[in-house]
PDB file of all heavy atoms in Angstrom:
ATOM      1  N   ARG A   1       1.848  -1.942   0.391  1.00  0.00           N
ATOM      2  CA  ARG A   1       2.853  -2.897   0.879  1.00  0.00           C
ATOM      3  C   ARG A   1       2.707  -3.165   2.373  1.00  0.00           C
ATOM      4  O   ARG A   1       3.650  -3.043   3.145  1.00  0.00           O
ATOM      5  CB  ARG A   1       4.263  -2.377   0.575  1.00  0.00           C
ATOM      6  CG  ARG A   1       4.506  -2.128  -0.912  1.00  0.00           C
ATOM      7  CD  ARG A   1       5.891  -1.577  -1.166  1.00  0.00           C
ATOM      8  NE  ARG A   1       6.053  -1.181  -2.575  1.00  0.00           N
ATOM      9  CZ  ARG A   1       7.136  -0.585  -3.045  1.00  0.00           C
ATOM     10  NH1 ARG A   1       8.155  -0.307  -2.242  1.00  0.00           N
ATOM     11  NH2 ARG A   1       7.203  -0.258  -4.322  1.00  0.00           N
ATOM     12  N   ASN A   2       1.500  -3.584   2.765  1.00  0.00           N
ATOM     13  CA  ASN A   2       1.223  -3.765   4.186  1.00  0.00           C
ATOM     14  C   ASN A   2       1.063  -5.214   4.593  1.00  0.00           C
ATOM     15  O   ASN A   2       0.654  -5.500   5.723  1.00  0.00           O
ATOM     16  CB  ASN A   2      -0.017  -2.957   4.600  1.00  0.00           C
ATOM     17  CG  ASN A   2      -0.028  -2.645   6.080  1.00  0.00           C
ATOM     18  OD1 ASN A   2       1.012  -2.625   6.735  1.00  0.00           O
ATOM     19  ND2 ASN A   2      -1.213  -2.406   6.631  1.00  0.00           N
ATOM     20  N   TYR A   3       1.344  -6.141   3.687  1.00  0.00           N
ATOM     21  CA  TYR A   3       1.476  -7.559   4.012  1.00  0.00           C
ATOM     22  C   TYR A   3       2.852  -8.015   3.538  1.00  0.00           C
ATOM     23  O   TYR A   3       3.280  -7.643   2.429  1.00  0.00           O
ATOM     24  CB  TYR A   3       0.419  -8.408   3.304  1.00  0.00           C
ATOM     25  CG  TYR A   3      -0.980  -8.342   3.889  1.00  0.00           C
ATOM     26  CD1 TYR A   3      -1.891  -7.397   3.437  1.00  0.00           C
ATOM     27  CD2 TYR A   3      -1.389  -9.249   4.865  1.00  0.00           C
ATOM     28  CE1 TYR A   3      -3.175  -7.349   3.945  1.00  0.00           C
ATOM     29  CE2 TYR A   3      -2.675  -9.206   5.371  1.00  0.00           C
ATOM     30  CZ  TYR A   3      -3.571  -8.257   4.915  1.00  0.00           C
ATOM     31  OH  TYR A   3      -4.843  -8.210   5.415  1.00  0.00           O
ATOM     32  N   ARG A   4       3.517  -8.833   4.325  1.00  0.00           N
ATOM     33  CA  ARG A   4       4.821  -9.345   3.906  1.00  0.00           C
ATOM     34  C   ARG A   4       4.697 -10.105   2.585  1.00  0.00           C
ATOM     35  O   ARG A   4       5.590 -10.048   1.736  1.00  0.00           O
ATOM     36  CB  ARG A   4       5.410 -10.247   4.997  1.00  0.00           C
ATOM     37  CG  ARG A   4       6.876 -10.598   4.798  1.00  0.00           C
ATOM     38  CD  ARG A   4       7.467 -11.245   6.045  1.00  0.00           C
ATOM     39  NE  ARG A   4       7.287 -10.404   7.219  1.00  0.00           N
ATOM     40  CZ  ARG A   4       8.048  -9.356   7.508  1.00  0.00           C
ATOM     41  NH1 ARG A   4       9.023  -9.011   6.693  1.00  0.00           N
ATOM     42  NH2 ARG A   4       7.810  -8.652   8.595  1.00  0.00           N
ATOM     43  N   SER A   5       3.566 -10.795   2.407  1.00  0.00           N
ATOM     44  CA  SER A   5       3.372 -11.594   1.197  1.00  0.00           C
ATOM     45  C   SER A   5       3.237 -10.740  -0.052  1.00  0.00           C
ATOM     46  O   SER A   5       3.298 -11.250  -1.167  1.00  0.00           O
ATOM     47  CB  SER A   5       2.121 -12.470   1.350  1.00  0.00           C
ATOM     48  OG  SER A   5       0.961 -11.665   1.535  1.00  0.00           O
ATOM     49  N   HIS A   6       3.042  -9.410   0.113  1.00  0.00           N
ATOM     50  CA  HIS A   6       2.878  -8.516  -1.031  1.00  0.00           C
ATOM     51  C   HIS A   6       4.136  -7.690  -1.316  1.00  0.00           C
ATOM     52  O   HIS A   6       4.157  -6.907  -2.267  1.00  0.00           O
ATOM     53  CB  HIS A   6       1.691  -7.569  -0.790  1.00  0.00           C
ATOM     54  CG  HIS A   6       1.253  -6.783  -1.989  1.00  0.00           C
ATOM     55  ND1 HIS A   6       0.750  -7.376  -3.129  1.00  0.00           N
ATOM     56  CD2 HIS A   6       1.251  -5.446  -2.230  1.00  0.00           C
ATOM     57  CE1 HIS A   6       0.454  -6.436  -4.021  1.00  0.00           C
ATOM     58  NE2 HIS A   6       0.758  -5.255  -3.507  1.00  0.00           N
ATOM     59  N   LEU A   7       5.166  -7.882  -0.525  1.00  0.00           N
ATOM     60  CA  LEU A   7       6.367  -7.072  -0.701  1.00  0.00           C
ATOM     61  C   LEU A   7       7.147  -7.451  -1.954  1.00  0.00           C
ATOM     62  O   LEU A   7       7.856  -6.614  -2.521  1.00  0.00           O
ATOM     63  CB  LEU A   7       7.280  -7.199   0.524  1.00  0.00           C
ATOM     64  CG  LEU A   7       6.756  -6.586   1.821  1.00  0.00           C
ATOM     65  CD1 LEU A   7       7.756  -6.812   2.953  1.00  0.00           C
ATOM     66  CD2 LEU A   7       6.475  -5.100   1.648  1.00  0.00           C
ATOM     67  N   GLY A   8       7.044  -8.713  -2.371  1.00  0.00           N
ATOM     68  CA  GLY A   8       7.748  -9.137  -3.586  1.00  0.00           C
ATOM     69  C   GLY A   8       9.253  -8.969  -3.492  1.00  0.00           C
ATOM     70  O   GLY A   8       9.901  -8.589  -4.474  1.00  0.00           O
ATOM     71  N   GLY A   9       9.826  -9.247  -2.325  1.00  0.00           N
ATOM     72  CA  GLY A   9      11.264  -9.127  -2.150  1.00  0.00           C
ATOM     73  C   GLY A   9      11.734  -7.737  -1.777  1.00  0.00           C
ATOM     74  O   GLY A   9      12.919  -7.537  -1.470  1.00  0.00           O
ATOM     75  N   ARG A  10      10.825  -6.763  -1.790  1.00  0.00           N
ATOM     76  CA  ARG A  10      11.201  -5.403  -1.409  1.00  0.00           C
ATOM     77  C   ARG A  10      11.264  -5.297   0.111  1.00  0.00           C
ATOM     78  O   ARG A  10      10.597  -6.047   0.820  1.00  0.00           O
ATOM     79  CB  ARG A  10      10.185  -4.404  -1.966  1.00  0.00           C
ATOM     80  CG  ARG A  10      10.160  -4.340  -3.488  1.00  0.00           C
ATOM     81  CD  ARG A  10       8.942  -3.626  -4.018  1.00  0.00           C
ATOM     82  NE  ARG A  10       7.722  -4.350  -3.727  1.00  0.00           N
ATOM     83  CZ  ARG A  10       6.569  -4.173  -4.353  1.00  0.00           C
ATOM     84  NH1 ARG A  10       6.478  -3.292  -5.325  1.00  0.00           N
ATOM     85  NH2 ARG A  10       5.497  -4.884  -4.026  1.00  0.00           N
ATOM     86  N   PRO A  11      12.052  -4.377   0.641  1.00  0.00           N
ATOM     87  CA  PRO A  11      12.137  -4.240   2.098  1.00  0.00           C
ATOM     88  C   PRO A  11      10.825  -3.735   2.688  1.00  0.00           C
ATOM     89  O   PRO A  11      10.051  -3.045   2.018  1.00  0.00           O
ATOM     90  CB  PRO A  11      13.254  -3.209   2.290  1.00  0.00           C
ATOM     91  CG  PRO A  11      13.295  -2.443   1.012  1.00  0.00           C
ATOM     92  CD  PRO A  11      12.927  -3.422  -0.065  1.00  0.00           C
ATOM     93  N   GLN A  12      10.587  -4.095   3.944  1.00  0.00           N
ATOM     94  CA  GLN A  12       9.400  -3.599   4.617  1.00  0.00           C
ATOM     95  C   GLN A  12       9.503  -2.093   4.779  1.00  0.00           C
ATOM     96  O   GLN A  12      10.546  -1.570   5.192  1.00  0.00           O
ATOM     97  CB  GLN A  12       9.266  -4.252   5.992  1.00  0.00           C
ATOM     98  CG  GLN A  12       8.080  -3.755   6.798  1.00  0.00           C
ATOM     99  CD  GLN A  12       7.944  -4.460   8.125  1.00  0.00           C
ATOM    100  OE1 GLN A  12       8.368  -5.610   8.276  1.00  0.00           O
ATOM    101  NE2 GLN A  12       7.337  -3.796   9.102  1.00  0.00           N
ATOM    102  N   PRO A  13       8.444  -1.350   4.470  1.00  0.00           N
ATOM    103  CA  PRO A  13       8.475   0.104   4.655  1.00  0.00           C
ATOM    104  C   PRO A  13       8.736   0.462   6.117  1.00  0.00           C
ATOM    105  O   PRO A  13       8.267  -0.230   7.029  1.00  0.00           O
ATOM    106  CB  PRO A  13       7.084   0.555   4.209  1.00  0.00           C
ATOM    107  CG  PRO A  13       6.578  -0.556   3.338  1.00  0.00           C
ATOM    108  CD  PRO A  13       7.165  -1.806   3.904  1.00  0.00           C
ATOM    109  N   SER A  14       9.471   1.542   6.347  1.00  0.00           N
ATOM    110  CA  SER A  14       9.791   1.973   7.701  1.00  0.00           C
ATOM    111  C   SER A  14       8.605   2.639   8.390  1.00  0.00           C
ATOM    112  O   SER A  14       8.621   2.840   9.600  1.00  0.00           O
ATOM    113  CB  SER A  14      10.985   2.932   7.685  1.00  0.00           C
ATOM    114  OG  SER A  14      10.693   4.060   6.882  1.00  0.00           O
ATOM    115  N   GLU A  15       7.591   2.987   7.628  1.00  0.00           N
ATOM    116  CA  GLU A  15       6.349   3.547   8.156  1.00  0.00           C
ATOM    117  C   GLU A  15       5.251   3.269   7.143  1.00  0.00           C
ATOM    118  O   GLU A  15       5.539   2.914   5.991  1.00  0.00           O
ATOM    119  CB  GLU A  15       6.493   5.045   8.414  1.00  0.00           C
ATOM    120  CG  GLU A  15       6.935   5.842   7.213  1.00  0.00           C
ATOM    121  CD  GLU A  15       7.275   7.280   7.568  1.00  0.00           C
ATOM    122  OE1 GLU A  15       7.399   7.611   8.753  1.00  0.00           O
ATOM    123  OE2 GLU A  15       7.408   8.085   6.624  1.00  0.00           O
ATOM    124  N   PRO A  16       3.970   3.385   7.536  1.00  0.00           N
ATOM    125  CA  PRO A  16       2.894   3.089   6.578  1.00  0.00           C
ATOM    126  C   PRO A  16       3.008   3.958   5.325  1.00  0.00           C
ATOM    127  O   PRO A  16       3.207   5.173   5.415  1.00  0.00           O
ATOM    128  CB  PRO A  16       1.626   3.424   7.372  1.00  0.00           C
ATOM    129  CG  PRO A  16       2.018   3.263   8.800  1.00  0.00           C
ATOM    130  CD  PRO A  16       3.448   3.719   8.878  1.00  0.00           C
ATOM    131  N   GLY A  17       2.906   3.322   4.167  1.00  0.00           N
ATOM    132  CA  GLY A  17       2.974   4.049   2.902  1.00  0.00           C
ATOM    133  C   GLY A  17       1.593   4.467   2.455  1.00  0.00           C
ATOM    134  O   GLY A  17       0.732   3.618   2.157  1.00  0.00           O
ATOM    135  N   LEU A  18       1.343   5.777   2.391  1.00  0.00           N
ATOM    136  CA  LEU A  18       0.009   6.289   2.097  1.00  0.00           C
ATOM    137  C   LEU A  18      -0.124   6.694   0.636  1.00  0.00           C
ATOM    138  O   LEU A  18       0.805   7.214   0.029  1.00  0.00           O
ATOM    139  CB  LEU A  18      -0.292   7.518   2.958  1.00  0.00           C
ATOM    140  CG  LEU A  18      -0.111   7.396   4.465  1.00  0.00           C
ATOM    141  CD1 LEU A  18      -0.543   8.690   5.144  1.00  0.00           C
ATOM    142  CD2 LEU A  18      -0.893   6.221   5.017  1.00  0.00           C
ATOM    143  N   PHE A  19      -1.310   6.477   0.089  1.00  0.00           N
ATOM    144  CA  PHE A  19      -1.702   7.078  -1.183  1.00  0.00           C
ATOM    145  C   PHE A  19      -3.208   7.298  -1.147  1.00  0.00           C
ATOM    146  O   PHE A  19      -3.893   6.841  -0.226  1.00  0.00           O
ATOM    147  CB  PHE A  19      -1.282   6.225  -2.382  1.00  0.00           C
ATOM    148  CG  PHE A  19      -1.873   4.837  -2.424  1.00  0.00           C
ATOM    149  CD1 PHE A  19      -3.078   4.583  -3.064  1.00  0.00           C
ATOM    150  CD2 PHE A  19      -1.209   3.761  -1.839  1.00  0.00           C
ATOM    151  CE1 PHE A  19      -3.622   3.309  -3.112  1.00  0.00           C
ATOM    152  CE2 PHE A  19      -1.737   2.480  -1.893  1.00  0.00           C
ATOM    153  CZ  PHE A  19      -2.942   2.250  -2.525  1.00  0.00           C
ATOM    154  N   LEU A  20      -3.712   8.023  -2.125  1.00  0.00           N
ATOM    155  CA  LEU A  20      -5.119   8.392  -2.149  1.00  0.00           C
ATOM    156  C   LEU A  20      -5.844   7.785  -3.339  1.00  0.00           C
ATOM    157  O   LEU A  20      -5.265   7.624  -4.413  1.00  0.00           O
ATOM    158  CB  LEU A  20      -5.268   9.916  -2.207  1.00  0.00           C
ATOM    159  CG  LEU A  20      -4.642  10.720  -1.066  1.00  0.00           C
ATOM    160  CD1 LEU A  20      -4.797  12.217  -1.338  1.00  0.00           C
ATOM    161  CD2 LEU A  20      -5.280  10.363   0.270  1.00  0.00           C
ATOM    162  N   LYS A  21      -7.092   7.454  -3.135  1.00  0.00           N
ATOM    163  CA  LYS A  21      -8.022   7.168  -4.206  1.00  0.00           C
ATOM    164  C   LYS A  21      -9.069   8.282  -4.191  1.00  0.00           C
ATOM    165  O   LYS A  21      -9.101   9.079  -3.240  1.00  0.00           O
ATOM    166  CB  LYS A  21      -8.662   5.788  -4.024  1.00  0.00           C
ATOM    167  CG  LYS A  21      -7.633   4.647  -4.095  1.00  0.00           C
ATOM    168  CD  LYS A  21      -8.243   3.290  -3.773  1.00  0.00           C
ATOM    169  CE  LYS A  21      -9.057   2.723  -4.916  1.00  0.00           C
ATOM    170  NZ  LYS A  21      -8.218   2.227  -6.032  1.00  0.00           N
ATOM    171  N   LEU A  22      -9.903   8.336  -5.191  1.00  0.00           N
ATOM    172  CA  LEU A  22     -10.847   9.444  -5.316  1.00  0.00           C
ATOM    173  C   LEU A  22     -12.268   9.009  -4.963  1.00  0.00           C
ATOM    174  O   LEU A  22     -12.687   7.898  -5.309  1.00  0.00           O
ATOM    175  CB  LEU A  22     -10.827   9.993  -6.738  1.00  0.00           C
ATOM    176  CG  LEU A  22      -9.471  10.548  -7.195  1.00  0.00           C
ATOM    177  CD1 LEU A  22      -9.552  10.976  -8.655  1.00  0.00           C
ATOM    178  CD2 LEU A  22      -9.037  11.708  -6.325  1.00  0.00           C
ATOM    179  N   PRO A  23     -13.021   9.888  -4.278  1.00  0.00           N
ATOM    180  CA  PRO A  23     -14.405   9.527  -3.942  1.00  0.00           C
ATOM    181  C   PRO A  23     -15.249   9.142  -5.152  1.00  0.00           C
ATOM    182  O   PRO A  23     -16.163   8.319  -5.045  1.00  0.00           O
ATOM    183  CB  PRO A  23     -14.937  10.799  -3.269  1.00  0.00           C
ATOM    184  CG  PRO A  23     -13.732  11.441  -2.684  1.00  0.00           C
ATOM    185  CD  PRO A  23     -12.631  11.175  -3.682  1.00  0.00           C
ATOM    186  N   THR A  24     -14.958   9.732  -6.321  1.00  0.00           N
ATOM    187  CA  THR A  24     -15.722   9.402  -7.524  1.00  0.00           C
ATOM    188  C   THR A  24     -15.391   8.019  -8.078  1.00  0.00           C
ATOM    189  O   THR A  24     -16.044   7.562  -9.017  1.00  0.00           O
ATOM    190  CB  THR A  24     -15.459  10.453  -8.615  1.00  0.00           C
ATOM    191  OG1 THR A  24     -14.050  10.669  -8.738  1.00  0.00           O
ATOM    192  CG2 THR A  24     -16.138  11.773  -8.276  1.00  0.00           C
ATOM    193  N   SER A  25     -14.397   7.346  -7.493  1.00  0.00           N
ATOM    194  CA  SER A  25     -14.074   5.987  -7.942  1.00  0.00           C
ATOM    195  C   SER A  25     -14.870   4.924  -7.194  1.00  0.00           C
ATOM    196  O   SER A  25     -14.795   3.743  -7.532  1.00  0.00           O
ATOM    197  CB  SER A  25     -12.571   5.721  -7.779  1.00  0.00           C
ATOM    198  OG  SER A  25     -12.174   5.746  -6.423  1.00  0.00           O
ATOM    199  N   VAL A  26     -15.664   5.340  -6.195  1.00  0.00           N
ATOM    200  CA  VAL A  26     -16.392   4.389  -5.358  1.00  0.00           C
ATOM    201  C   VAL A  26     -17.600   3.822  -6.096  1.00  0.00           C
ATOM    202  O   VAL A  26     -18.378   4.560  -6.707  1.00  0.00           O
ATOM    203  CB  VAL A  26     -16.846   5.049  -4.043  1.00  0.00           C
ATOM    204  CG1 VAL A  26     -17.784   4.132  -3.261  1.00  0.00           C
ATOM    205  CG2 VAL A  26     -15.636   5.419  -3.193  1.00  0.00           C
ATOM    206  N   ILE A  27     -17.747   2.508  -6.021  1.00  0.00           N
ATOM    207  CA  ILE A  27     -18.951   1.816  -6.487  1.00  0.00           C
ATOM    208  C   ILE A  27     -19.343   0.791  -5.432  1.00  0.00           C
ATOM    209  O   ILE A  27     -18.555   0.464  -4.536  1.00  0.00           O
ATOM    210  CB  ILE A  27     -18.755   1.119  -7.851  1.00  0.00           C
ATOM    211  CG1 ILE A  27     -17.591   0.117  -7.792  1.00  0.00           C
ATOM    212  CG2 ILE A  27     -18.540   2.140  -8.952  1.00  0.00           C
ATOM    213  CD1 ILE A  27     -17.436  -0.725  -9.059  1.00  0.00           C
TER     214      ILE A  27
END
């Protein structure tokens, strides 16, 4: 949720929202 256009009406996060992907998912 780091673009306003992607919030879909949700409030802007008060800080960057982090999540992880896995190195084995890289192509």
